[in-house]
Protein backbone atom coordinates (compact mmCIF):
# COMPACT_ATOMS: atom_id res chain seq x y z
CA MET A 1 0.78 -18.65 -21.96
CA GLY A 2 3.96 -19.25 -20.03
CA ALA A 3 5.57 -15.98 -21.14
CA GLU A 4 2.47 -14.07 -20.09
CA ARG A 5 2.56 -15.57 -16.60
CA THR A 6 6.30 -14.83 -16.31
CA ALA A 7 5.62 -11.25 -17.31
CA ASN A 8 3.01 -10.85 -14.58
CA VAL A 9 5.32 -12.34 -11.92
CA GLY A 10 8.11 -10.03 -13.11
CA ARG A 11 5.91 -7.00 -12.73
CA TRP A 12 5.55 -7.65 -8.96
CA ARG A 13 9.28 -8.36 -8.58
CA ARG A 14 10.01 -5.00 -10.12
CA HIS A 15 7.63 -3.23 -7.77
CA PRO A 16 7.86 -4.91 -4.36
CA LEU A 17 7.10 -1.54 -2.73
CA ALA A 18 3.57 -1.75 -4.07
CA LEU A 19 2.99 -4.84 -1.97
CA GLY A 20 4.95 -3.30 0.94
CA GLY A 21 2.64 -0.33 0.92
CA LEU A 22 -0.39 -2.65 1.09
CA VAL A 23 1.13 -4.49 4.03
CA ILE A 24 1.71 -1.17 5.86
CA PHE A 25 -1.82 -0.09 4.97
CA GLY A 26 -3.32 -3.27 6.43
CA GLY A 27 -1.20 -3.03 9.56
CA LEU A 28 -2.23 0.55 10.22
CA LEU A 29 -5.92 -0.28 9.74
CA LEU A 30 -5.55 -2.90 12.51
CA VAL A 31 -4.12 -0.31 14.96
CA ALA A 32 -6.57 1.68 17.03
CA PRO A 33 -6.87 5.36 16.02
CA PRO A 34 -5.08 7.91 18.20
CA SER A 35 -7.14 9.45 20.98
CA GLY A 36 -9.35 12.20 19.78
CA MET A 37 -9.52 10.89 16.20
CA SER A 38 -12.63 9.21 14.84
CA ASP A 39 -12.47 5.88 13.01
CA THR A 40 -13.42 7.62 9.75
CA ALA A 41 -10.65 10.18 10.10
CA TRP A 42 -8.16 7.40 10.89
CA CYS A 43 -9.13 5.53 7.68
CA VAL A 44 -8.71 8.68 5.64
CA ALA A 45 -5.27 9.29 7.18
CA VAL A 46 -4.17 5.74 6.48
CA VAL A 47 -5.28 5.99 2.86
CA ALA A 48 -3.45 9.30 2.55
CA LEU A 49 -0.30 7.64 3.97
CA LEU A 50 -0.58 4.81 1.47
CA MET A 51 -0.91 7.33 -1.39
CA ALA A 52 2.08 9.24 -0.09
CA PHE A 53 4.14 6.09 0.30
CA TRP A 54 3.40 4.96 -3.29
CA TRP A 55 4.04 8.44 -4.62
CA LEU A 56 7.37 8.85 -2.86
CA THR A 57 8.59 5.38 -3.80
CA GLU A 58 7.11 5.49 -7.28
CA ALA A 59 5.91 1.95 -6.67
CA ILE A 60 3.18 2.19 -9.25
CA PRO A 61 4.38 3.69 -12.57
């Protein structure tokens, strides 16, 4: 059981950008949308930015 737990911790240490992307995602959701943009459009844009961030950094293999 100890080796399995170590493997799970190691996975996140190898991919800290995955957590970084989620932090950025949460931060952007707390920011008000730009003027002229609906809340729904802002949520879609933030999700698209998260996907682009993960894709560019290859945070999730």
